[in-house]
Amino acid sequence: MYDLIIIGSGPAGMTAGIYAQRAGLDALVIERNFMSGGQIIDTYEVDNYPGLPNINGFDLAQKMREHADQLGVQFKMGDVQKVEDLGEEKKVITSEETLTAKAVLFATGAKHSLLNIPGEAEYAGKGVSYCATCDGAFYKDKDVAVVGGGNVAVEDAIFLARACRKVYLVHRRDQLRAQKALQNKLFESDRVELVWHHLPVEIIGENGQVKGLRTKDKNTNKEQVLDVSGVFIAVGIVPNTDGFDQICKCDEKGYMIAGEDGRTSTPGIFAAGDVRKKEVRQVATAVGDGANTIASVERYLNTKEW
């Protein structure tokens, strides 16, 4: 039986693994993907992580994993299907095996929200993308559209504008939600055109590839078609709590309710990073969650108090 099983290997999960190893806990990190790092792998540039300005997300993830490996953190590939609370023993059931631990930390992160419009599923991977840094190189000197108004959408538009001929940023409101520093950088680009008050209604394709994005003006209901070869969707994230939302209390959006100490409503069950309910979801806050939670895990294992 492990002292702690950490589910997820993004910044929160890897930080928790590092702190657990330094604390002398018998801990295991279970990761579903072949590469550690979670969402930051898909981030072209991380410019707000202290001490490492202008680093790209992939390199930052690699540095975190290398640090964990140097300390001897245990990692195992696995797709966790279910977690059972048996009091002082927790069962973590994967597609391959059943593991037991005294405590479990959910660091499962979040995933991209979908538009759920005609053509989205049909052309996924054929012009529809949720990762500009992954697929942007395919659209050099082409016209593309980005849907969204938050940090990720603006970051995607800035990144794509470096290589694409034109980038349409489609947003349903008349102002962006992204940080001002990002907005200022966006407005400096002469390759980005803002499409305000518009909703995406259909992704149009031909011969198996995206050829356009149909949008509708919220105020007039007038539709237009943007002639683009790619549509990058950045309309938010949803927590990866499918199948786990009964193990502890979650909010109406599915985020696990836990404070900065990571404690959920269930003794011995912790949550850290983007999967928990909080105001700010950044790499720095995920790392802070991972560190704080291990201190809470230690107290729980030593005292069983909750």
Protein backbone atom coordinates (compact mmCIF):
# COMPACT_ATOMS: atom_id res chain seq x y z
CA MET A 1 0.00 0.00 0.00
CA TYR A 2 1.33 3.40 -0.97
CA ASP A 3 1.23 6.39 1.33
CA LEU A 4 -0.08 8.48 -1.54
CA ILE A 5 -1.21 8.00 -5.11
CA ILE A 6 -1.16 11.11 -7.27
CA ILE A 7 -3.42 10.97 -10.32
CA GLY A 8 -2.07 13.24 -13.04
CA SER A 9 1.36 14.51 -14.07
CA GLY A 10 0.85 18.15 -14.94
CA PRO A 11 2.59 20.90 -12.95
CA ALA A 12 0.49 20.18 -9.85
CA GLY A 13 1.02 16.43 -10.00
CA MET A 14 4.75 16.63 -10.67
CA THR A 15 5.27 19.22 -7.94
CA ALA A 16 3.34 17.04 -5.52
CA GLY A 17 5.51 14.08 -6.53
CA ILE A 18 8.68 16.09 -5.92
CA TYR A 19 7.53 17.31 -2.51
CA ALA A 20 6.27 13.86 -1.53
CA GLN A 21 9.61 12.31 -2.44
CA ARG A 22 11.50 14.91 -0.43
CA ALA A 23 9.17 14.26 2.49
CA GLY A 24 10.03 10.57 2.41
CA LEU A 25 6.54 9.43 1.42
CA ASP A 26 6.00 6.26 -0.57
CA ALA A 27 4.16 7.96 -3.41
CA LEU A 28 3.24 7.05 -6.96
CA VAL A 29 2.28 9.36 -9.82
CA ILE A 30 -0.11 7.82 -12.33
CA GLU A 31 -0.13 9.52 -15.73
CA ARG A 32 -2.49 8.80 -18.59
CA ASN A 33 -0.45 10.44 -21.35
CA PHE A 34 2.96 9.45 -22.65
CA MET A 35 4.36 12.87 -21.85
CA SER A 36 4.20 14.68 -18.52
CA GLY A 37 3.14 18.29 -18.34
CA GLY A 38 -0.60 18.47 -18.86
CA GLN A 39 -1.84 21.56 -20.68
CA ILE A 40 1.47 23.41 -20.64
CA ILE A 41 2.85 21.04 -23.28
CA ASP A 42 0.56 22.82 -25.73
CA THR A 43 1.58 26.33 -24.65
CA TYR A 44 3.98 28.04 -27.02
CA GLU A 45 5.35 30.53 -24.54
CA VAL A 46 5.15 30.77 -20.75
CA ASP A 47 6.23 34.26 -19.80
CA ASN A 48 4.85 34.51 -16.26
CA TYR A 49 6.57 31.65 -14.44
CA PRO A 50 9.08 33.24 -12.05
CA GLY A 51 12.72 32.80 -12.93
CA LEU A 52 12.11 31.27 -16.35
CA PRO A 53 10.94 34.04 -18.67
CA ASN A 54 10.16 33.28 -22.32
CA ILE A 55 10.30 29.53 -21.86
CA ASN A 56 7.97 27.41 -23.97
CA GLY A 57 5.57 25.04 -22.28
CA PHE A 58 7.19 21.88 -23.60
CA ASP A 59 10.60 22.80 -22.20
CA LEU A 60 9.11 23.80 -18.85
CA ALA A 61 7.32 20.46 -18.61
CA GLN A 62 10.54 18.64 -19.45
CA LYS A 63 12.45 20.52 -16.75
CA MET A 64 9.82 19.58 -14.17
CA ARG A 65 9.91 15.93 -15.20
CA GLU A 66 13.71 15.84 -15.17
CA HIS A 67 13.68 17.28 -11.64
CA ALA A 68 11.22 14.61 -10.53
CA ASP A 69 13.24 11.85 -12.17
CA GLN A 70 16.47 13.04 -10.54
CA LEU A 71 14.82 12.74 -7.13
CA GLY A 72 13.51 9.26 -7.89
CA VAL A 73 9.78 10.05 -8.09
CA GLN A 74 7.83 6.96 -9.13
CA PHE A 75 5.74 7.28 -12.30
CA LYS A 76 3.43 4.73 -13.88
CA MET A 77 1.30 4.84 -16.99
CA GLY A 78 -2.35 4.11 -16.38
CA ASP A 79 -5.90 5.18 -17.13
CA VAL A 80 -7.68 5.51 -13.79
CA GLN A 81 -11.26 4.27 -14.08
CA LYS A 82 -12.44 4.59 -10.51
CA VAL A 83 -11.38 5.58 -6.99
CA GLU A 84 -13.04 3.95 -4.00
CA ASP A 85 -12.98 5.36 -0.48
CA LEU A 86 -12.72 2.57 2.08
CA GLY A 87 -11.95 4.77 5.04
CA GLU A 88 -8.25 4.65 5.82
CA GLU A 89 -7.65 2.72 2.61
CA LYS A 90 -8.29 4.05 -0.88
CA LYS A 91 -8.54 1.89 -3.98
CA VAL A 92 -7.37 3.27 -7.30
CA ILE A 93 -8.65 1.12 -10.12
CA THR A 94 -6.99 1.46 -13.52
CA SER A 95 -7.68 -0.39 -16.74
CA GLU A 96 -4.79 -2.72 -15.87
CA GLU A 97 -4.72 -3.14 -12.09
CA THR A 98 -6.01 -2.11 -8.67
CA LEU A 99 -3.71 -0.15 -6.38
CA THR A 100 -4.19 0.86 -2.75
CA ALA A 101 -3.05 3.92 -0.84
CA LYS A 102 -3.64 5.73 2.43
CA ALA A 103 -4.41 8.94 0.53
CA VAL A 104 -5.19 10.00 -3.03
CA LEU A 105 -4.44 13.32 -4.71
CA PHE A 106 -6.40 14.29 -7.80
CA ALA A 107 -4.25 16.42 -10.10
CA THR A 108 -6.15 15.46 -13.23
CA GLY A 109 -6.34 18.97 -14.64
CA ALA A 110 -8.85 20.06 -17.23
CA LYS A 111 -9.61 19.67 -20.94
CA HIS A 112 -10.74 21.86 -23.81
CA SER A 113 -14.39 22.82 -24.14
CA LEU A 114 -16.11 22.11 -27.44
CA LEU A 115 -18.24 24.40 -29.59
CA ASN A 116 -20.62 21.55 -30.47
CA ILE A 117 -21.46 23.02 -33.86
CA PRO A 118 -21.85 21.26 -37.22
CA GLY A 119 -18.52 20.34 -38.76
CA GLU A 120 -16.50 20.46 -35.53
CA ALA A 121 -16.28 16.73 -34.96
CA GLU A 122 -16.19 15.92 -38.67
CA TYR A 123 -13.15 18.10 -39.33
CA ALA A 124 -11.30 17.57 -36.06
CA GLY A 125 -7.67 17.08 -37.04
CA LYS A 126 -8.51 18.15 -40.60
CA GLY A 127 -8.53 21.86 -40.03
CA VAL A 128 -10.16 22.01 -36.61
CA SER A 129 -7.64 22.22 -33.78
CA TYR A 130 -7.57 22.91 -30.06
CA CYS A 131 -3.82 23.52 -29.95
CA ALA A 132 -2.29 26.32 -31.98
CA THR A 133 1.26 25.46 -30.96
CA CYS A 134 0.74 21.86 -32.03
CA ASP A 135 -0.81 22.54 -35.43
CA GLY A 136 -0.02 26.14 -36.30
CA ALA A 137 2.94 25.25 -38.51
CA PHE A 138 0.57 23.60 -40.99
CA TYR A 139 -1.02 26.97 -41.77
CA LYS A 140 1.95 29.06 -42.77
CA ASP A 141 0.87 31.84 -45.16
CA LYS A 142 -2.77 30.77 -44.85
CA ASP A 143 -5.84 32.37 -43.31
CA VAL A 144 -7.17 30.94 -40.05
CA ALA A 145 -9.73 31.73 -37.36
CA VAL A 146 -9.44 31.57 -33.60
CA VAL A 147 -12.61 31.32 -31.52
CA GLY A 148 -12.56 32.73 -27.98
CA GLY A 149 -11.68 35.81 -25.97
CA GLY A 150 -9.63 34.62 -23.02
CA ASN A 151 -5.90 34.25 -22.46
CA VAL A 152 -5.54 31.09 -24.49
CA ALA A 153 -7.45 32.46 -27.48
CA VAL A 154 -5.38 35.64 -27.55
CA GLU A 155 -2.13 33.72 -27.09
CA ASP A 156 -3.15 31.45 -29.98
CA ALA A 157 -3.93 34.42 -32.22
CA ILE A 158 -0.58 36.07 -31.43
CA PHE A 159 1.28 32.86 -32.10
CA LEU A 160 -0.52 32.13 -35.37
CA ALA A 161 -0.06 35.69 -36.62
CA ARG A 162 3.68 35.10 -36.74
CA ALA A 163 3.31 32.66 -39.62
CA CYS A 164 -0.24 32.90 -40.97
CA ARG A 165 -1.28 35.44 -43.57
CA LYS A 166 -4.34 36.50 -41.60
CA VAL A 167 -5.92 35.55 -38.29
CA TYR A 168 -9.57 36.24 -37.49
CA LEU A 169 -10.29 36.32 -33.77
CA VAL A 170 -13.99 35.57 -33.33
CA HIS A 171 -15.51 36.63 -30.02
CA ARG A 172 -19.10 36.79 -28.88
CA ARG A 173 -18.61 39.99 -26.88
CA ASP A 174 -17.27 43.46 -27.64
CA GLN A 175 -14.22 43.16 -25.43
CA LEU A 176 -11.69 40.47 -24.60
CA ARG A 177 -11.30 38.71 -21.26
CA ALA A 178 -7.57 38.14 -21.70
CA GLN A 179 -4.93 39.87 -19.61
CA LYS A 180 -4.17 43.42 -20.70
CA ALA A 181 -0.55 42.62 -21.52
CA LEU A 182 -1.71 39.97 -23.97
CA GLN A 183 -4.33 42.25 -25.46
CA ASN A 184 -1.74 44.96 -26.06
CA LYS A 185 0.50 42.50 -27.85
CA LEU A 186 -2.43 41.29 -29.94
CA PHE A 187 -3.46 44.79 -31.00
CA GLU A 188 0.09 45.45 -32.21
CA SER A 189 -0.29 42.81 -34.93
CA ASP A 190 -1.50 43.95 -38.34
CA ARG A 191 -2.36 40.37 -39.26
CA VAL A 192 -5.15 39.94 -36.70
CA GLU A 193 -8.71 41.04 -37.39
CA LEU A 194 -11.20 41.12 -34.51
CA VAL A 195 -14.68 39.80 -35.29
CA TRP A 196 -16.79 41.18 -32.46
CA HIS A 197 -20.29 40.09 -31.39
CA HIS A 198 -20.11 36.95 -33.50
CA LEU A 199 -20.92 33.34 -32.71
CA PRO A 200 -19.51 30.40 -34.68
CA VAL A 201 -22.40 28.40 -36.14
CA GLU A 202 -20.82 26.00 -38.63
CA ILE A 203 -17.43 24.78 -39.79
CA ILE A 204 -17.53 24.36 -43.55
CA GLY A 205 -15.42 21.80 -45.35
CA GLU A 206 -14.68 20.43 -48.77
CA ASN A 207 -12.83 17.27 -49.80
CA GLY A 208 -12.19 16.41 -46.16
CA GLN A 209 -10.61 19.75 -45.22
CA VAL A 210 -11.84 22.96 -43.60
CA LYS A 211 -12.68 25.69 -46.08
CA GLY A 212 -14.52 28.21 -43.94
CA LEU A 213 -16.17 29.24 -40.69
CA ARG A 214 -19.75 30.50 -40.70
CA THR A 215 -20.46 33.03 -37.96
CA LYS A 216 -23.56 34.96 -36.89
CA ASP A 217 -23.77 38.48 -35.54
CA LYS A 218 -25.52 38.35 -32.15
CA ASN A 219 -27.11 41.73 -32.64
CA THR A 220 -28.40 41.44 -36.20
CA ASN A 221 -28.48 37.66 -36.74
CA LYS A 222 -26.69 38.30 -40.05
CA GLU A 223 -24.37 35.49 -41.06
CA GLN A 224 -21.04 35.59 -42.83
CA VAL A 225 -18.47 33.04 -43.93
CA LEU A 226 -14.80 33.53 -43.16
CA ASP A 227 -12.64 31.88 -45.81
CA VAL A 228 -10.14 30.06 -43.62
CA SER A 229 -8.16 26.84 -43.82
CA GLY A 230 -8.05 26.27 -40.08
CA VAL A 231 -10.25 26.89 -37.06
CA PHE A 232 -8.58 26.99 -33.66
CA ILE A 233 -11.02 26.62 -30.78
CA ALA A 234 -10.13 28.19 -27.42
CA VAL A 235 -13.39 28.67 -25.52
CA GLY A 236 -12.42 27.44 -22.10
CA ILE A 237 -11.80 24.27 -20.21
CA VAL A 238 -13.75 21.76 -18.16
CA PRO A 239 -12.31 19.75 -15.26
CA ASN A 240 -11.26 16.15 -15.75
CA THR A 241 -13.56 14.78 -13.08
CA ASP A 242 -15.67 12.40 -15.18
CA GLY A 243 -16.36 9.37 -13.03
CA PHE A 244 -14.75 10.96 -9.98
CA ASP A 245 -17.38 13.53 -9.04
CA GLN A 246 -18.93 11.21 -6.43
CA ILE A 247 -15.75 10.75 -4.43
CA CYS A 248 -16.01 14.29 -3.01
CA LYS A 249 -18.09 17.44 -3.34
CA CYS A 250 -17.82 19.29 -6.64
CA ASP A 251 -19.30 22.59 -7.81
CA GLU A 252 -21.87 23.00 -10.56
CA LYS A 253 -19.15 22.92 -13.23
CA GLY A 254 -17.58 19.75 -11.87
CA TYR A 255 -14.55 21.29 -10.18
CA MET A 256 -13.57 19.61 -6.93
CA ILE A 257 -14.20 21.84 -3.95
CA ALA A 258 -10.95 22.14 -2.00
CA GLY A 259 -9.00 24.95 -0.37
CA GLU A 260 -5.35 25.81 -0.87
CA ASP A 261 -4.50 22.94 1.46
CA GLY A 262 -6.01 20.56 -1.07
CA ARG A 263 -8.45 18.97 1.36
CA THR A 264 -11.76 17.94 -0.17
CA SER A 265 -14.95 16.92 1.62
CA THR A 266 -13.68 13.33 1.92
CA PRO A 267 -10.92 12.47 4.41
CA GLY A 268 -7.79 11.31 2.62
CA ILE A 269 -8.91 12.67 -0.76
CA PHE A 270 -7.06 15.75 -2.00
CA ALA A 271 -7.25 17.95 -5.09
CA ALA A 272 -4.63 20.25 -6.62
CA GLY A 273 -4.22 22.28 -9.79
CA ASP A 274 -6.82 23.04 -12.42
CA VAL A 275 -9.16 20.29 -11.23
CA ARG A 276 -10.03 22.15 -8.05
CA LYS A 277 -12.34 25.16 -7.71
CA LYS A 278 -10.32 28.37 -7.56
CA GLU A 279 -10.05 31.81 -9.09
CA VAL A 280 -6.74 31.64 -10.93
CA ARG A 281 -5.50 28.70 -12.99
CA GLN A 282 -1.88 29.21 -13.95
CA VAL A 283 1.29 27.11 -13.83
CA ALA A 284 2.41 29.00 -10.72
CA THR A 285 -0.84 28.32 -8.88
CA ALA A 286 -0.75 24.64 -9.86
CA VAL A 287 2.78 24.35 -8.50
CA GLY A 288 1.70 26.08 -5.30
CA ASP A 289 -1.22 23.68 -4.97
CA GLY A 290 1.08 20.68 -5.33
CA ALA A 291 3.40 21.93 -2.59
CA ASN A 292 0.62 22.93 -0.19
CA THR A 293 -1.22 19.67 -0.61
CA ILE A 294 1.74 17.51 0.35
CA ALA A 295 2.01 19.38 3.65
CA SER A 296 -1.66 18.54 4.21
CA VAL A 297 -1.10 14.91 3.22
CA GLU A 298 1.70 14.61 5.76
CA ARG A 299 -0.50 15.98 8.52
CA TYR A 300 -3.30 13.61 7.59
CA LEU A 301 -1.05 10.54 7.49
CA ASN A 302 0.48 11.44 10.86
CA THR A 303 -2.69 12.40 12.72
CA LYS A 304 -5.67 11.14 10.65
CA GLU A 305 -7.29 14.46 11.50
CA TRP A 306 -9.39 16.17 8.83
